[in-house]
Amino acid sequence: MKNNSLLRASVAVFAVFALLAFTKPAPVKFKVDTKASTLAWTGKKVTGQHTGNVPLTAGELTVEGKQIKQGTFEIDLSSLTVTDLKDEGSNAKLVGHLKNEDFFNVAKYPKATFEISSITPKAGDEYLVKGKLTIKGITNDIEFPATIKNDGKKLTATAKIVVDRTKYDIRYGSSSFFDNLGNKAISNEFELDLNLVAAAQAGV
């Protein structure tokens, strides 16, 4: 009798684990639509600000149910643009300066990357995203709020990300490192406005 009770208990435990295994949602890969996604930047200085775009060239997320478990993204700094300067000469001059050694040094570091460490639900479609951002070969932890929606086939996300450029050895025009800059001082922080679109991959 005792052996029968132990057997029934074992079967019950096995059934519970089997049920959990079958009800756990299978991971789904979402590929970033790099043409539909945008990443706009804003850099501020004492006398005003500049704006532009920098393209996402690759990205993939792993989703279980509605929860994002992993995500990696590649950003093409060598293709950054300026949108606020309409004069071609002034525009080209600023683009060239942003690409040289004073800023992103794209000849040596053409790509930046971001890897998701965790995503914590807040309320509704609001989440706190934490991850590792790598620029110029330097990696730092960052976090930011994001609005994420996922209907199972399409995932969209919007976020405003604030980055301290000096943590990536971009010190040009920073009053934290140079004195007497006056109205030539540039803010240590720049902003990234993300609009992300990703699609579920069939058969993955």
C-alpha atoms as a PDB file:
ATOM      1  CA  MET A   1       0.000   0.000   0.000  1.00  0.00           C
ATOM      2  CA  LYS A   2       2.800   2.354   0.909  1.00  0.00           C
ATOM      3  CA  ASN A   3       4.545   1.639  -2.397  1.00  0.00           C
ATOM      4  CA  ASN A   4       1.321   2.324  -4.315  1.00  0.00           C
ATOM      5  CA  SER A   5       0.924   5.709  -2.587  1.00  0.00           C
ATOM      6  CA  LEU A   6       4.524   6.618  -3.410  1.00  0.00           C
ATOM      7  CA  LEU A   7       3.983   5.574  -7.032  1.00  0.00           C
ATOM      8  CA  ARG A   8       0.816   7.674  -7.305  1.00  0.00           C
ATOM      9  CA  ALA A   9       2.628  10.671  -5.822  1.00  0.00           C
ATOM     10  CA  SER A  10       5.511  10.259  -8.245  1.00  0.00           C
ATOM     11  CA  VAL A  11       3.126  10.042 -11.180  1.00  0.00           C
ATOM     12  CA  ALA A  12       1.322  13.175 -10.006  1.00  0.00           C
ATOM     13  CA  VAL A  13       4.575  15.127  -9.703  1.00  0.00           C
ATOM     14  CA  PHE A  14       5.677  13.958 -13.147  1.00  0.00           C
ATOM     15  CA  ALA A  15       2.324  15.003 -14.608  1.00  0.00           C
ATOM     16  CA  VAL A  16       2.647  18.500 -13.129  1.00  0.00           C
ATOM     17  CA  PHE A  17       6.138  18.968 -14.567  1.00  0.00           C
ATOM     18  CA  ALA A  18       5.008  17.614 -17.924  1.00  0.00           C
ATOM     19  CA  LEU A  19       2.069  20.027 -17.962  1.00  0.00           C
ATOM     20  CA  LEU A  20       4.361  22.962 -17.162  1.00  0.00           C
ATOM     21  CA  ALA A  21       6.735  21.905 -19.913  1.00  0.00           C
ATOM     22  CA  PHE A  22       3.951  21.815 -22.489  1.00  0.00           C
ATOM     23  CA  THR A  23       2.311  25.082 -21.357  1.00  0.00           C
ATOM     24  CA  LYS A  24       5.543  27.128 -21.293  1.00  0.00           C
ATOM     25  CA  PRO A  25       5.556  29.286 -24.438  1.00  0.00           C
ATOM     26  CA  ALA A  26       8.242  28.430 -26.947  1.00  0.00           C
ATOM     27  CA  PRO A  27      10.806  31.179 -27.605  1.00  0.00           C
ATOM     28  CA  VAL A  28      10.133  33.244 -30.717  1.00  0.00           C
ATOM     29  CA  LYS A  29      12.804  35.173 -32.586  1.00  0.00           C
ATOM     30  CA  PHE A  30      11.935  38.669 -33.751  1.00  0.00           C
ATOM     31  CA  LYS A  31      14.103  40.304 -36.410  1.00  0.00           C
ATOM     32  CA  VAL A  32      14.417  44.083 -36.432  1.00  0.00           C
ATOM     33  CA  ASP A  33      13.079  45.761 -39.556  1.00  0.00           C
ATOM     34  CA  THR A  34      16.002  48.124 -40.134  1.00  0.00           C
ATOM     35  CA  LYS A  35      14.151  50.086 -42.828  1.00  0.00           C
ATOM     36  CA  ALA A  36      11.108  50.774 -40.652  1.00  0.00           C
ATOM     37  CA  SER A  37      13.077  51.410 -37.451  1.00  0.00           C
ATOM     38  CA  THR A  38      14.640  54.789 -36.674  1.00  0.00           C
ATOM     39  CA  LEU A  39      17.181  56.082 -34.188  1.00  0.00           C
ATOM     40  CA  ALA A  40      17.357  59.875 -34.006  1.00  0.00           C
ATOM     41  CA  TRP A  41      20.008  61.738 -32.020  1.00  0.00           C
ATOM     42  CA  THR A  42      20.043  65.151 -30.369  1.00  0.00           C
ATOM     43  CA  GLY A  43      23.208  66.818 -29.125  1.00  0.00           C
ATOM     44  CA  LYS A  44      22.992  70.040 -27.151  1.00  0.00           C
ATOM     45  CA  LYS A  45      25.420  72.890 -26.609  1.00  0.00           C
ATOM     46  CA  VAL A  46      25.321  76.296 -24.916  1.00  0.00           C
ATOM     47  CA  THR A  47      24.256  78.067 -28.117  1.00  0.00           C
ATOM     48  CA  GLY A  48      21.686  75.522 -29.308  1.00  0.00           C
ATOM     49  CA  GLN A  49      21.514  71.948 -30.513  1.00  0.00           C
ATOM     50  CA  HIS A  50      21.984  69.662 -33.500  1.00  0.00           C
ATOM     51  CA  THR A  51      19.884  66.703 -34.591  1.00  0.00           C
ATOM     52  CA  GLY A  52      20.342  63.755 -36.893  1.00  0.00           C
ATOM     53  CA  ASN A  53      19.832  60.073 -37.511  1.00  0.00           C
ATOM     54  CA  VAL A  54      21.963  56.980 -37.115  1.00  0.00           C
ATOM     55  CA  PRO A  55      20.757  53.715 -38.658  1.00  0.00           C
ATOM     56  CA  LEU A  56      20.163  50.392 -36.982  1.00  0.00           C
ATOM     57  CA  THR A  57      21.791  47.830 -39.265  1.00  0.00           C
ATOM     58  CA  ALA A  58      20.877  44.619 -37.414  1.00  0.00           C
ATOM     59  CA  GLY A  59      18.866  43.459 -34.437  1.00  0.00           C
ATOM     60  CA  GLU A  60      17.218  40.379 -32.978  1.00  0.00           C
ATOM     61  CA  LEU A  61      15.054  39.711 -29.935  1.00  0.00           C
ATOM     62  CA  THR A  62      14.059  36.481 -28.238  1.00  0.00           C
ATOM     63  CA  VAL A  63      10.520  36.561 -26.824  1.00  0.00           C
ATOM     64  CA  GLU A  64       8.716  34.053 -24.608  1.00  0.00           C
ATOM     65  CA  GLY A  65       5.008  34.817 -24.480  1.00  0.00           C
ATOM     66  CA  LYS A  66       5.012  38.620 -24.136  1.00  0.00           C
ATOM     67  CA  GLN A  67       8.324  38.818 -22.286  1.00  0.00           C
ATOM     68  CA  ILE A  68      11.540  39.793 -24.077  1.00  0.00           C
ATOM     69  CA  LYS A  69      14.323  37.561 -22.798  1.00  0.00           C
ATOM     70  CA  GLN A  70      17.242  38.630 -24.978  1.00  0.00           C
ATOM     71  CA  GLY A  71      18.064  41.261 -27.529  1.00  0.00           C
ATOM     72  CA  THR A  72      21.080  42.495 -29.477  1.00  0.00           C
ATOM     73  CA  PHE A  73      21.354  45.478 -31.808  1.00  0.00           C
ATOM     74  CA  GLU A  74      23.967  46.949 -34.125  1.00  0.00           C
ATOM     75  CA  ILE A  75      24.208  50.684 -34.893  1.00  0.00           C
ATOM     76  CA  ASP A  76      26.109  52.048 -37.895  1.00  0.00           C
ATOM     77  CA  LEU A  77      27.916  55.154 -36.649  1.00  0.00           C
ATOM     78  CA  SER A  78      29.741  55.502 -39.956  1.00  0.00           C
ATOM     79  CA  SER A  79      26.387  56.337 -41.598  1.00  0.00           C
ATOM     80  CA  LEU A  80      25.192  58.977 -39.119  1.00  0.00           C
ATOM     81  CA  THR A  81      23.541  62.047 -40.623  1.00  0.00           C
ATOM     82  CA  VAL A  82      22.734  65.610 -39.557  1.00  0.00           C
ATOM     83  CA  THR A  83      19.175  66.841 -40.178  1.00  0.00           C
ATOM     84  CA  ASP A  84      19.065  70.389 -38.794  1.00  0.00           C
ATOM     85  CA  LEU A  85      21.676  72.021 -41.075  1.00  0.00           C
ATOM     86  CA  LYS A  86      20.330  72.681 -44.551  1.00  0.00           C
ATOM     87  CA  ASP A  87      23.502  74.262 -45.942  1.00  0.00           C
ATOM     88  CA  GLU A  88      25.404  71.415 -47.601  1.00  0.00           C
ATOM     89  CA  GLY A  89      28.829  72.716 -46.606  1.00  0.00           C
ATOM     90  CA  SER A  90      27.922  73.227 -42.941  1.00  0.00           C
ATOM     91  CA  ASN A  91      26.178  69.863 -42.865  1.00  0.00           C
ATOM     92  CA  ALA A  92      29.161  68.012 -44.325  1.00  0.00           C
ATOM     93  CA  LYS A  93      31.540  69.793 -41.946  1.00  0.00           C
ATOM     94  CA  LEU A  94      29.580  68.724 -38.860  1.00  0.00           C
ATOM     95  CA  VAL A  95      29.126  65.155 -40.119  1.00  0.00           C
ATOM     96  CA  GLY A  96      32.860  64.927 -40.734  1.00  0.00           C
ATOM     97  CA  HIS A  97      33.643  66.276 -37.274  1.00  0.00           C
ATOM     98  CA  LEU A  98      31.298  63.813 -35.571  1.00  0.00           C
ATOM     99  CA  LYS A  99      32.943  60.960 -37.457  1.00  0.00           C
ATOM    100  CA  ASN A 100      36.539  61.929 -36.648  1.00  0.00           C
ATOM    101  CA  GLU A 101      38.671  61.270 -33.557  1.00  0.00           C
ATOM    102  CA  ASP A 102      37.106  64.133 -31.569  1.00  0.00           C
ATOM    103  CA  PHE A 103      33.863  62.202 -31.377  1.00  0.00           C
ATOM    104  CA  PHE A 104      33.080  58.673 -32.633  1.00  0.00           C
ATOM    105  CA  ASN A 105      36.254  57.874 -34.614  1.00  0.00           C
ATOM    106  CA  VAL A 106      34.263  55.795 -37.079  1.00  0.00           C
ATOM    107  CA  ALA A 107      37.333  54.836 -39.115  1.00  0.00           C
ATOM    108  CA  LYS A 108      38.367  52.664 -36.167  1.00  0.00           C
ATOM    109  CA  TYR A 109      34.974  52.064 -34.521  1.00  0.00           C
ATOM    110  CA  PRO A 110      32.296  52.067 -37.263  1.00  0.00           C
ATOM    111  CA  LYS A 111      29.719  50.178 -35.193  1.00  0.00           C
ATOM    112  CA  ALA A 112      28.097  50.584 -31.789  1.00  0.00           C
ATOM    113  CA  THR A 113      26.163  47.764 -30.136  1.00  0.00           C
ATOM    114  CA  PHE A 114      23.506  47.354 -27.469  1.00  0.00           C
ATOM    115  CA  GLU A 115      22.713  44.121 -25.633  1.00  0.00           C
ATOM    116  CA  ILE A 116      19.676  43.755 -23.386  1.00  0.00           C
ATOM    117  CA  SER A 117      20.435  42.553 -19.858  1.00  0.00           C
ATOM    118  CA  SER A 118      16.875  42.638 -18.490  1.00  0.00           C
ATOM    119  CA  ILE A 119      13.428  44.090 -19.146  1.00  0.00           C
ATOM    120  CA  THR A 120      11.178  44.709 -16.141  1.00  0.00           C
ATOM    121  CA  PRO A 121       7.412  45.267 -16.590  1.00  0.00           C
ATOM    122  CA  LYS A 122       6.074  48.450 -14.971  1.00  0.00           C
ATOM    123  CA  ALA A 123       2.467  49.157 -15.953  1.00  0.00           C
ATOM    124  CA  GLY A 124       0.580  48.309 -19.117  1.00  0.00           C
ATOM    125  CA  ASP A 125       2.997  48.567 -22.028  1.00  0.00           C
ATOM    126  CA  GLU A 126       5.652  50.367 -19.979  1.00  0.00           C
ATOM    127  CA  TYR A 127       8.953  48.641 -19.153  1.00  0.00           C
ATOM    128  CA  LEU A 128      12.370  49.405 -17.698  1.00  0.00           C
ATOM    129  CA  VAL A 129      15.125  48.255 -20.026  1.00  0.00           C
ATOM    130  CA  LYS A 130      18.655  47.588 -18.787  1.00  0.00           C
ATOM    131  CA  GLY A 131      21.561  46.677 -20.992  1.00  0.00           C
ATOM    132  CA  LYS A 132      25.117  47.197 -22.147  1.00  0.00           C
ATOM    133  CA  LEU A 133      25.950  49.892 -24.690  1.00  0.00           C
ATOM    134  CA  THR A 134      29.297  49.692 -26.471  1.00  0.00           C
ATOM    135  CA  ILE A 135      30.740  52.734 -28.272  1.00  0.00           C
ATOM    136  CA  LYS A 136      34.371  53.051 -29.390  1.00  0.00           C
ATOM    137  CA  GLY A 137      35.086  49.647 -27.866  1.00  0.00           C
ATOM    138  CA  ILE A 138      33.974  50.838 -24.403  1.00  0.00           C
ATOM    139  CA  THR A 139      31.022  49.153 -22.704  1.00  0.00           C
ATOM    140  CA  ASN A 140      28.830  50.704 -20.013  1.00  0.00           C
ATOM    141  CA  ASP A 141      25.574  49.700 -18.339  1.00  0.00           C
ATOM    142  CA  ILE A 142      22.603  51.914 -19.181  1.00  0.00           C
ATOM    143  CA  GLU A 143      18.895  51.839 -18.413  1.00  0.00           C
ATOM    144  CA  PHE A 144      15.858  53.628 -19.794  1.00  0.00           C
ATOM    145  CA  PRO A 145      12.044  53.442 -19.851  1.00  0.00           C
ATOM    146  CA  ALA A 146      10.395  52.075 -22.974  1.00  0.00           C
ATOM    147  CA  THR A 147       6.924  51.486 -24.356  1.00  0.00           C
ATOM    148  CA  ILE A 148       6.770  47.996 -25.905  1.00  0.00           C
ATOM    149  CA  LYS A 149       3.877  46.386 -27.760  1.00  0.00           C
ATOM    150  CA  ASN A 150       3.774  42.838 -29.110  1.00  0.00           C
ATOM    151  CA  ASP A 151       0.844  41.208 -30.899  1.00  0.00           C
ATOM    152  CA  GLY A 152       2.727  37.955 -31.486  1.00  0.00           C
ATOM    153  CA  LYS A 153       3.684  38.802 -35.059  1.00  0.00           C
ATOM    154  CA  LYS A 154       4.895  42.368 -34.793  1.00  0.00           C
ATOM    155  CA  LEU A 155       6.783  44.047 -31.963  1.00  0.00           C
ATOM    156  CA  THR A 156       7.168  47.812 -31.647  1.00  0.00           C
ATOM    157  CA  ALA A 157       9.048  49.845 -29.083  1.00  0.00           C
ATOM    158  CA  THR A 158       9.648  53.530 -28.427  1.00  0.00           C
ATOM    159  CA  ALA A 159      12.154  54.971 -25.990  1.00  0.00           C
ATOM    160  CA  LYS A 160      14.187  58.050 -25.166  1.00  0.00           C
ATOM    161  CA  ILE A 161      17.720  57.051 -24.198  1.00  0.00           C
ATOM    162  CA  VAL A 162      20.140  59.459 -22.532  1.00  0.00           C
ATOM    163  CA  VAL A 163      23.841  58.670 -22.996  1.00  0.00           C
ATOM    164  CA  ASP A 164      26.792  60.267 -21.204  1.00  0.00           C
ATOM    165  CA  ARG A 165      29.331  60.512 -24.020  1.00  0.00           C
ATOM    166  CA  THR A 166      32.274  61.113 -21.668  1.00  0.00           C
ATOM    167  CA  LYS A 167      31.940  57.521 -20.412  1.00  0.00           C
ATOM    168  CA  TYR A 168      32.937  56.459 -23.932  1.00  0.00           C
ATOM    169  CA  ASP A 169      35.997  58.709 -24.095  1.00  0.00           C
ATOM    170  CA  ILE A 170      34.196  61.407 -26.119  1.00  0.00           C
ATOM    171  CA  ARG A 171      35.391  64.502 -24.295  1.00  0.00           C
ATOM    172  CA  TYR A 172      35.513  67.158 -26.999  1.00  0.00           C
ATOM    173  CA  GLY A 173      33.940  70.403 -25.790  1.00  0.00           C
ATOM    174  CA  SER A 174      33.129  68.991 -22.355  1.00  0.00           C
ATOM    175  CA  SER A 175      33.395  71.467 -19.475  1.00  0.00           C
ATOM    176  CA  SER A 176      34.065  68.479 -17.218  1.00  0.00           C
ATOM    177  CA  PHE A 177      37.514  68.148 -18.813  1.00  0.00           C
ATOM    178  CA  PHE A 178      38.310  71.525 -20.367  1.00  0.00           C
ATOM    179  CA  ASP A 179      38.281  75.008 -18.828  1.00  0.00           C
ATOM    180  CA  ASN A 180      37.203  78.329 -20.322  1.00  0.00           C
ATOM    181  CA  LEU A 181      35.020  76.861 -23.046  1.00  0.00           C
ATOM    182  CA  GLY A 182      32.411  79.586 -22.639  1.00  0.00           C
ATOM    183  CA  ASN A 183      29.656  79.325 -25.256  1.00  0.00           C
ATOM    184  CA  LYS A 184      31.595  76.572 -27.049  1.00  0.00           C
ATOM    185  CA  ALA A 185      30.778  74.037 -24.339  1.00  0.00           C
ATOM    186  CA  ILE A 186      28.875  70.933 -25.458  1.00  0.00           C
ATOM    187  CA  SER A 187      26.616  68.912 -23.154  1.00  0.00           C
ATOM    188  CA  ASN A 188      28.080  65.672 -21.844  1.00  0.00           C
ATOM    189  CA  GLU A 189      24.802  63.919 -22.592  1.00  0.00           C
ATOM    190  CA  PHE A 190      23.134  63.247 -25.910  1.00  0.00           C
ATOM    191  CA  GLU A 191      19.679  61.810 -26.499  1.00  0.00           C
ATOM    192  CA  LEU A 192      18.553  58.945 -28.703  1.00  0.00           C
ATOM    193  CA  ASP A 193      14.905  58.647 -29.743  1.00  0.00           C
ATOM    194  CA  LEU A 194      14.203  55.052 -30.701  1.00  0.00           C
ATOM    195  CA  ASN A 195      11.319  53.789 -32.815  1.00  0.00           C
ATOM    196  CA  LEU A 196      11.788  50.046 -33.201  1.00  0.00           C
ATOM    197  CA  VAL A 197       9.864  47.669 -35.436  1.00  0.00           C
ATOM    198  CA  ALA A 198      10.516  43.916 -35.417  1.00  0.00           C
ATOM    199  CA  ALA A 199       8.751  40.943 -36.981  1.00  0.00           C
ATOM    200  CA  ALA A 200       8.405  37.366 -35.729  1.00  0.00           C
ATOM    201  CA  GLN A 201      10.369  34.822 -37.718  1.00  0.00           C
ATOM    202  CA  ALA A 202       8.433  31.785 -38.895  1.00  0.00           C
ATOM    203  CA  GLY A 203       9.817  28.362 -38.103  1.00  0.00           C
ATOM    204  CA  VAL A 204      12.378  29.606 -35.579  1.00  0.00           C
END
